[in-house]
């Protein structure tokens, strides 16, 4: 049962605005909504906000559809700036008009930090779930967190201390939402049988990212790597995972542009919506930097982390990054456990060589053990539940 503490409004209702702008944020926000309802079954919730498909499936009312706002890079943002400005104004106006009990911002810092400033100065309570990675990107913005965020929920083990050292006291570590949640639904044998693969032979999986521009820039060198590997590892089998936000047709069009297109079409298995099963069944993988690298970590799949941006984005944004590693697994580990091939280092030949080296039994097993250690650092299962309870506590609700 949930009871209301004396300092809260006399109501058994909670009106929360939740803002998420990317597929991973949409997933984490949807899990949070589910956890809030489970934690407070006697509370009548109203959830509104910027929503993706998973949030909408959980019954969050759409003020702004965020499906088309998952964009990275200066050039890409500049092209759709009016769309972002309109979304910002719409959300700001709705929050000021409806006065929700709290605005919960989920990741998406370039947008959400500005919204936090606009809403907090108008007296709205601001909660930030999945704290911005300011330790790696424009750390001076910590002053905005101190001023504009009432409760900061961090998901990486070193983040809370980093924030506290810089004067942010209202921070709580809840663990990573993926911990305990990343599981394959099929065994290696079942996945291989489903895809027409031989489970006794090496399986190499490629994840080129969830955005169209990532697919365009990262898939071509991956395809070149497959060609090289097929010559040096003739028994290797190749799987291309297309992210849920992309279509198989997009990948097929890029394959058709490759000089080795006919062979690739016949020898690369393209799968959709099966990221975790593919990773779990793989001996090694090449994974675009992002959330999928943590999924591979939690599944114990040895990987090479890759990324490629436009030249202008890499030149401009790269100078603002002040961490030694790009990959989350390496950041959590505090050392370079997993090879990172970024920008000009991402070539077909180099990627093929790194993946081939990872297939060697001793190195493969060693990295699997290291990934298990990192997985343990990410915390126990139940991050969404902990985040939900922290939010209820901040709003002065308490279980009885």
Protein backbone atom coordinates (compact mmCIF):
# COMPACT_ATOMS: atom_id res chain seq x y z
CA UNK A 1 0.00 0.00 0.00
CA UNK A 2 1.18 3.56 -0.70
CA UNK A 3 0.46 6.30 1.82
CA UNK A 4 0.98 10.00 1.40
CA UNK A 5 3.42 11.73 3.74
CA UNK A 6 2.25 14.98 5.29
CA UNK A 7 4.32 17.28 3.08
CA UNK A 8 2.75 16.02 -0.16
CA UNK A 9 -0.50 17.23 -1.75
CA UNK A 10 -3.60 15.49 -0.38
CA UNK A 11 -4.21 13.28 -3.42
CA UNK A 12 -3.85 9.69 -4.50
CA UNK A 13 -3.01 10.82 -8.02
CA UNK A 14 0.31 11.55 -9.66
CA UNK A 15 0.74 13.46 -12.88
CA UNK A 16 4.19 12.86 -14.38
CA UNK A 17 5.63 14.18 -17.62
CA UNK A 18 8.34 11.89 -19.02
CA UNK A 19 10.69 13.02 -21.80
CA UNK A 20 12.72 10.50 -23.82
CA UNK A 21 14.12 11.09 -27.27
CA UNK A 22 15.99 8.00 -28.45
CA UNK A 23 15.18 4.26 -28.73
CA UNK A 24 17.22 3.33 -25.65
CA UNK A 25 15.63 6.14 -23.63
CA UNK A 26 12.19 5.06 -24.81
CA UNK A 27 12.87 1.52 -23.54
CA UNK A 28 14.18 2.71 -20.17
CA UNK A 29 11.28 5.14 -19.74
CA UNK A 30 8.74 2.44 -20.56
CA UNK A 31 10.31 0.16 -17.92
CA UNK A 32 10.21 3.01 -15.42
CA UNK A 33 6.51 3.62 -16.06
CA UNK A 34 5.79 -0.06 -15.52
CA UNK A 35 7.83 -0.06 -12.29
CA UNK A 36 6.08 3.04 -10.94
CA UNK A 37 2.68 1.45 -11.43
CA UNK A 38 3.87 -1.76 -9.75
CA UNK A 39 5.39 0.14 -6.81
CA UNK A 40 2.29 2.25 -6.25
CA UNK A 41 -0.73 0.18 -7.35
CA UNK A 42 -3.20 2.38 -5.43
CA UNK A 43 -2.03 5.59 -7.08
CA UNK A 44 -3.82 6.84 -10.16
CA UNK A 45 -1.04 7.84 -12.53
CA UNK A 46 -1.24 10.09 -15.52
CA UNK A 47 1.83 9.89 -17.74
CA UNK A 48 2.39 12.34 -20.59
CA UNK A 49 5.44 13.43 -22.54
CA UNK A 50 7.76 12.89 -25.47
CA UNK A 51 7.19 9.26 -26.37
CA UNK A 52 8.52 6.45 -28.49
CA UNK A 53 6.62 3.27 -29.34
CA UNK A 54 7.43 1.46 -26.09
CA UNK A 55 6.26 4.36 -23.93
CA UNK A 56 3.06 4.60 -25.93
CA UNK A 57 2.50 0.87 -25.44
CA UNK A 58 2.69 1.51 -21.67
CA UNK A 59 -0.06 4.09 -21.95
CA UNK A 60 1.98 7.30 -21.88
CA UNK A 61 0.01 10.08 -23.59
CA UNK A 62 1.94 11.67 -26.44
CA UNK A 63 2.60 15.39 -26.39
CA UNK A 64 5.52 15.05 -28.80
CA UNK A 65 6.31 11.97 -30.86
CA UNK A 66 10.06 11.45 -30.36
CA UNK A 67 10.52 8.77 -33.03
CA UNK A 68 11.90 11.29 -35.52
CA UNK A 69 14.12 13.12 -33.02
CA UNK A 70 16.77 10.41 -32.49
CA UNK A 71 19.47 12.25 -34.40
CA UNK A 72 23.16 12.77 -33.70
CA UNK A 73 25.70 15.18 -35.05
CA UNK A 74 25.88 18.88 -35.82
CA UNK A 75 24.95 18.55 -39.49
CA UNK A 76 22.00 16.25 -38.84
CA UNK A 77 20.61 18.41 -36.02
CA UNK A 78 21.03 21.58 -38.06
CA UNK A 79 18.89 20.13 -40.83
CA UNK A 80 15.98 19.42 -38.52
CA UNK A 81 16.47 22.24 -36.01
CA UNK A 82 12.94 23.61 -36.52
CA UNK A 83 11.55 20.21 -35.53
CA UNK A 84 13.56 20.25 -32.29
CA UNK A 85 12.58 23.82 -31.49
CA UNK A 86 8.93 23.00 -32.05
CA UNK A 87 9.18 19.94 -29.79
CA UNK A 88 10.90 22.01 -27.10
CA UNK A 89 8.27 24.75 -27.19
CA UNK A 90 5.41 22.26 -27.21
CA UNK A 91 6.72 20.34 -24.19
CA UNK A 92 7.58 23.52 -22.29
CA UNK A 93 4.12 24.98 -22.87
CA UNK A 94 2.38 21.74 -21.87
CA UNK A 95 4.39 21.47 -18.66
CA UNK A 96 3.73 25.08 -17.66
CA UNK A 97 0.03 24.72 -18.41
CA UNK A 98 -0.57 21.32 -16.78
CA UNK A 99 1.86 21.66 -13.83
CA UNK A 100 2.77 17.96 -13.46
CA UNK A 101 3.95 16.76 -10.04
CA UNK A 102 7.35 16.20 -11.65
CA UNK A 103 9.01 16.21 -15.02
CA UNK A 104 11.16 13.08 -15.48
CA UNK A 105 13.89 13.56 -18.06
CA UNK A 106 15.40 10.36 -19.47
CA UNK A 107 18.91 10.60 -20.97
CA UNK A 108 18.99 12.79 -24.16
CA UNK A 109 21.09 15.53 -22.50
CA UNK A 110 21.44 18.01 -25.37
CA UNK A 111 17.67 18.49 -25.34
CA UNK A 112 16.75 17.62 -21.77
CA UNK A 113 19.28 19.84 -19.97
CA UNK A 114 17.85 22.87 -21.75
CA UNK A 115 14.34 21.77 -20.88
CA UNK A 116 15.37 21.30 -17.25
CA UNK A 117 16.51 24.92 -17.12
CA UNK A 118 13.33 26.22 -18.72
CA UNK A 119 11.02 24.27 -16.42
CA UNK A 120 12.86 24.45 -13.12
CA UNK A 121 12.99 28.25 -13.19
CA UNK A 122 9.19 28.14 -13.46
CA UNK A 123 8.91 26.16 -10.26
CA UNK A 124 8.50 22.64 -11.65
CA UNK A 125 10.20 19.69 -9.97
CA UNK A 126 12.77 18.12 -12.31
CA UNK A 127 14.02 14.54 -11.96
CA UNK A 128 16.74 13.29 -14.29
CA UNK A 129 16.95 9.52 -14.89
CA UNK A 130 20.09 8.19 -16.59
CA UNK A 131 22.38 11.03 -15.63
CA UNK A 132 24.14 12.88 -18.46
CA UNK A 133 27.65 11.59 -19.11
CA UNK A 134 29.25 14.94 -18.33
CA UNK A 135 32.42 13.19 -17.15
CA UNK A 136 33.15 12.53 -20.83
CA UNK A 137 31.46 15.38 -22.62
CA UNK A 138 31.39 19.10 -21.70
CA UNK A 139 31.75 18.64 -17.91
CA UNK A 140 31.15 22.33 -17.14
CA UNK A 141 27.45 21.68 -17.60
CA UNK A 142 27.46 20.17 -14.10
CA UNK A 143 26.45 23.66 -12.89
CA UNK A 144 23.16 23.19 -14.77
CA UNK A 145 22.54 19.94 -12.92
CA UNK A 146 23.23 21.58 -9.55
CA UNK A 147 20.86 24.44 -10.35
CA UNK A 148 18.05 22.82 -12.33
CA UNK A 149 17.70 19.16 -11.24
CA UNK A 150 16.04 18.17 -7.95
CA UNK A 151 16.98 14.48 -8.15
CA UNK A 152 19.63 12.88 -10.35
CA UNK A 153 19.55 9.10 -10.88
CA UNK A 154 22.80 7.58 -12.17
CA UNK A 155 23.19 4.18 -13.81
CA UNK A 156 26.98 3.72 -14.00
CA UNK A 157 28.92 2.82 -10.84
CA UNK A 158 31.41 5.71 -10.91
CA UNK A 159 28.97 8.47 -11.88
CA UNK A 160 27.39 9.29 -8.52
CA UNK A 161 30.77 9.92 -6.89
CA UNK A 162 31.88 12.01 -9.87
CA UNK A 163 28.85 14.24 -9.42
CA UNK A 164 29.21 14.46 -5.63
CA UNK A 165 32.83 15.52 -5.97
CA UNK A 166 31.53 18.47 -8.02
CA UNK A 167 28.92 19.55 -5.52
CA UNK A 168 25.83 17.65 -6.70
CA UNK A 169 24.35 16.19 -3.52
CA UNK A 170 20.94 15.12 -4.87
CA UNK A 171 22.32 12.12 -6.80
CA UNK A 172 21.47 8.44 -6.31
CA UNK A 173 22.99 5.39 -8.00
CA UNK A 174 20.31 2.89 -9.02
CA UNK A 175 22.30 0.50 -11.25
CA UNK A 176 22.05 -0.04 -14.96
CA UNK A 177 18.56 -0.79 -16.37
CA UNK A 178 20.00 -3.59 -18.49
CA UNK A 179 21.52 -5.48 -15.55
CA UNK A 180 19.63 -8.70 -15.03
CA UNK A 181 17.40 -7.92 -18.00
CA UNK A 182 19.62 -8.93 -20.92
CA UNK A 183 18.95 -12.57 -21.69
CA UNK A 184 18.75 -14.61 -24.86
CA UNK A 185 15.49 -16.40 -25.61
CA UNK A 186 17.25 -19.05 -27.70
CA UNK A 187 20.28 -21.25 -27.13
CA UNK A 188 23.14 -21.07 -29.60
CA UNK A 189 21.98 -24.34 -31.13
CA UNK A 190 18.39 -23.08 -31.46
CA UNK A 191 19.43 -19.76 -32.99
CA UNK A 192 21.75 -21.43 -35.48
CA UNK A 193 19.10 -23.96 -36.47
CA UNK A 194 16.60 -21.13 -36.97
CA UNK A 195 19.03 -19.22 -39.21
CA UNK A 196 20.42 -22.20 -41.10
CA UNK A 197 23.85 -21.96 -39.46
CA UNK A 198 26.17 -24.68 -38.19
CA UNK A 199 26.53 -24.24 -34.42
CA UNK A 200 29.85 -26.11 -34.46
CA UNK A 201 31.47 -23.47 -36.68
CA UNK A 202 32.38 -19.85 -35.79
CA UNK A 203 29.58 -17.29 -35.83
CA UNK A 204 30.54 -13.62 -36.25
CA UNK A 205 27.84 -10.98 -35.76
CA UNK A 206 27.80 -7.35 -36.90
CA UNK A 207 25.72 -4.57 -35.32
CA UNK A 208 26.11 -1.33 -37.28
CA UNK A 209 23.89 0.88 -35.12
CA UNK A 210 20.30 2.08 -34.82
CA UNK A 211 20.41 5.32 -36.82
CA UNK A 212 20.29 5.60 -40.61
CA UNK A 213 23.55 7.57 -40.74
CA UNK A 214 25.27 4.95 -38.60
CA UNK A 215 24.14 2.25 -40.99
CA UNK A 216 25.42 4.25 -43.98
CA UNK A 217 28.84 4.91 -42.45
CA UNK A 218 29.51 1.78 -40.43
CA UNK A 219 28.00 -1.05 -42.49
CA UNK A 220 30.27 -0.65 -45.57
CA UNK A 221 33.56 -1.30 -43.67
CA UNK A 222 31.80 -4.16 -41.88
CA UNK A 223 30.91 -5.70 -45.24
CA UNK A 224 34.53 -5.32 -46.36
CA UNK A 225 35.62 -7.06 -43.16
CA UNK A 226 33.28 -9.95 -43.93
CA UNK A 227 34.91 -10.33 -47.34
CA UNK A 228 38.39 -10.43 -45.80
CA UNK A 229 37.30 -12.87 -43.09
CA UNK A 230 35.69 -15.21 -45.61
CA UNK A 231 39.09 -15.63 -47.26
CA UNK A 232 41.11 -16.09 -44.08
CA UNK A 233 38.45 -17.93 -42.05
CA UNK A 234 36.59 -19.99 -44.66
CA UNK A 235 34.49 -21.78 -42.01
CA UNK A 236 33.23 -18.52 -40.48
CA UNK A 237 29.51 -17.68 -40.66
CA UNK A 238 28.20 -14.12 -40.71
CA UNK A 239 25.14 -12.52 -39.14
CA UNK A 240 24.06 -8.91 -39.67
CA UNK A 241 21.71 -7.56 -37.01
CA UNK A 242 19.43 -4.77 -38.18
CA UNK A 243 18.24 -2.62 -35.28
CA UNK A 244 14.48 -2.44 -34.61
CA UNK A 245 14.46 1.21 -35.70
CA UNK A 246 15.92 0.30 -39.11
CA UNK A 247 14.62 -1.96 -41.89
CA UNK A 248 16.13 -4.94 -43.63
CA UNK A 249 15.64 -3.08 -46.90
CA UNK A 250 18.04 -0.32 -45.79
CA UNK A 251 20.73 -2.91 -45.12
CA UNK A 252 20.03 -4.75 -48.36
CA UNK A 253 20.41 -1.53 -50.35
CA UNK A 254 23.85 -0.93 -48.86
CA UNK A 255 24.88 -4.52 -49.52
CA UNK A 256 23.82 -4.10 -53.14
CA UNK A 257 26.29 -1.23 -53.48
CA UNK A 258 29.24 -3.38 -52.40
CA UNK A 259 31.54 -4.77 -55.08
CA UNK A 260 31.08 -8.23 -53.56
CA UNK A 261 27.28 -7.87 -53.35
CA UNK A 262 26.29 -11.21 -54.89
CA UNK A 263 28.42 -13.25 -52.49
CA UNK A 264 27.36 -11.15 -49.48
CA UNK A 265 23.65 -11.58 -50.28
CA UNK A 266 24.10 -15.34 -50.30
CA UNK A 267 26.34 -15.67 -47.26
CA UNK A 268 25.25 -13.05 -44.74
CA UNK A 269 22.21 -13.81 -42.59
CA UNK A 270 20.24 -10.64 -41.94
CA UNK A 271 18.17 -10.71 -38.75
CA UNK A 272 15.78 -8.13 -37.30
CA UNK A 273 14.60 -7.72 -33.67
CA UNK A 274 16.94 -10.53 -32.57
CA UNK A 275 19.92 -8.62 -31.17
CA UNK A 276 20.33 -10.56 -27.95
CA UNK A 277 19.84 -14.01 -29.45
CA UNK A 278 22.37 -13.20 -32.17
CA UNK A 279 24.94 -11.84 -29.73
CA UNK A 280 24.53 -14.75 -27.32
CA UNK A 281 25.02 -17.24 -30.16
CA UNK A 282 28.14 -15.50 -31.47
CA UNK A 283 31.76 -16.35 -30.95
CA UNK A 284 32.70 -12.71 -31.57
CA UNK A 285 30.94 -9.53 -32.70
CA UNK A 286 31.58 -6.06 -34.12
CA UNK A 287 29.30 -3.61 -32.32
CA UNK A 288 28.65 0.08 -32.92
CA UNK A 289 29.47 2.12 -29.83
CA UNK A 290 26.38 2.56 -27.67
CA UNK A 291 23.92 0.56 -25.60
CA UNK A 292 24.45 -2.61 -27.66
CA UNK A 293 28.02 -2.83 -26.36
CA UNK A 294 26.64 -3.22 -22.84
CA UNK A 295 24.22 -5.88 -24.07
CA UNK A 296 27.18 -7.77 -25.53
CA UNK A 297 29.03 -7.31 -22.23
CA UNK A 298 26.15 -8.69 -20.17
CA UNK A 299 25.87 -11.65 -22.55
CA UNK A 300 29.62 -12.23 -22.35
CA UNK A 301 30.25 -11.89 -26.09
CA UNK A 302 33.80 -10.84 -27.06
CA UNK A 303 33.58 -7.81 -29.33
CA UNK A 304 35.28 -5.03 -31.20
CA UNK A 305 33.67 -1.62 -30.65
CA UNK A 306 33.38 0.48 -33.80
CA UNK A 307 32.14 3.90 -34.81
CA UNK A 308 32.33 6.29 -37.74
CA UNK A 309 30.96 9.82 -38.02
CA UNK A 310 30.93 12.44 -40.74
CA UNK A 311 34.26 14.27 -40.98
CA UNK A 312 32.79 17.53 -39.71
CA UNK A 313 31.07 15.91 -36.74
CA UNK A 314 34.19 13.96 -35.79
CA UNK A 315 36.40 17.02 -36.06
CA UNK A 316 34.03 19.29 -34.14
CA UNK A 317 32.59 16.96 -31.51
CA UNK A 318 35.71 14.85 -31.04
CA UNK A 319 37.61 17.79 -29.60
CA UNK A 320 35.02 18.14 -26.83
CA UNK A 321 35.34 14.54 -25.61
CA UNK A 322 37.70 14.22 -22.66
CA UNK A 323 37.79 10.51 -21.82
CA UNK A 324 40.32 7.86 -22.78
CA UNK A 325 37.74 5.39 -24.03
CA UNK A 326 34.60 5.62 -26.17
CA UNK A 327 33.13 2.20 -25.35
CA UNK A 328 30.98 1.98 -22.22
CA UNK A 329 32.48 -1.39 -21.29
CA UNK A 330 35.96 0.17 -21.23
CA UNK A 331 34.73 3.19 -19.28
CA UNK A 332 33.16 0.98 -16.62
CA UNK A 333 36.26 -1.24 -16.50
CA UNK A 334 38.54 1.78 -16.27
CA UNK A 335 40.85 0.27 -18.88
CA UNK A 336 40.94 -0.73 -22.55
CA UNK A 337 39.62 -4.29 -22.39
CA UNK A 338 37.87 -4.17 -25.75
CA UNK A 339 39.49 -2.89 -28.95
CA UNK A 340 37.96 0.33 -30.26
CA UNK A 341 38.11 1.17 -33.96
CA UNK A 342 36.94 4.74 -34.36
CA UNK A 343 36.62 6.89 -37.48
CA UNK A 344 39.66 6.38 -39.76
CA UNK A 345 40.74 3.30 -37.80
CA UNK A 346 37.56 1.55 -38.88
CA UNK A 347 38.56 -0.20 -42.09
CA UNK A 348 37.52 -3.58 -43.40
CA UNK A 349 41.03 -4.99 -43.16
CA UNK A 350 41.65 -3.78 -39.61
CA UNK A 351 38.27 -4.96 -38.36
CA UNK A 352 38.75 -8.37 -39.97
CA UNK A 353 42.13 -8.74 -38.30
CA UNK A 354 40.80 -7.81 -34.85
CA UNK A 355 37.85 -10.19 -35.12
CA UNK A 356 40.07 -12.98 -36.38
CA UNK A 357 42.39 -12.51 -33.40
CA UNK A 358 39.40 -12.64 -31.05
CA UNK A 359 38.44 -16.04 -32.45
CA UNK A 360 41.63 -17.53 -31.02
CA UNK A 361 40.46 -19.71 -28.09
CA UNK A 362 42.76 -18.35 -25.40
CA UNK A 363 42.05 -14.69 -26.12
CA UNK A 364 38.34 -15.40 -26.55
CA UNK A 365 38.03 -17.09 -23.17
CA UNK A 366 40.14 -14.42 -21.44
CA UNK A 367 37.91 -11.61 -22.70
CA UNK A 368 34.76 -13.50 -21.74
CA UNK A 369 36.04 -13.63 -18.14
CA UNK A 370 36.84 -9.90 -18.20
CA UNK A 371 33.39 -9.08 -19.54
CA UNK A 372 31.82 -11.03 -16.70
CA UNK A 373 33.80 -8.90 -14.24
CA UNK A 374 32.51 -5.71 -15.88
CA UNK A 375 28.95 -7.06 -15.89
CA UNK A 376 29.20 -7.53 -12.13
CA UNK A 377 30.24 -3.87 -11.76
CA UNK A 378 27.03 -2.70 -13.42
CA UNK A 379 24.98 -3.64 -10.37
CA UNK A 380 22.21 -6.08 -9.62
CA UNK A 381 18.92 -6.39 -11.45
CA UNK A 382 16.09 -4.03 -10.63
CA UNK A 383 17.37 -0.59 -11.67
CA UNK A 384 13.92 0.44 -12.89
CA UNK A 385 12.39 -0.57 -9.55
CA UNK A 386 15.06 1.39 -7.63
CA UNK A 387 14.56 4.42 -9.85
CA UNK A 388 10.79 4.21 -9.38
CA UNK A 389 11.15 4.04 -5.60
CA UNK A 390 13.58 6.97 -5.59
CA UNK A 391 11.06 9.03 -7.57
CA UNK A 392 8.22 8.12 -5.22
CA UNK A 393 10.42 9.04 -2.25
CA UNK A 394 11.26 12.38 -3.84
CA UNK A 395 7.54 13.01 -4.30
CA UNK A 396 6.98 12.07 -0.65
CA UNK A 397 5.15 8.81 -1.29
CA UNK A 398 6.07 5.82 0.82
CA UNK A 399 5.01 2.19 0.96
CA UNK A 400 3.27 1.04 4.10
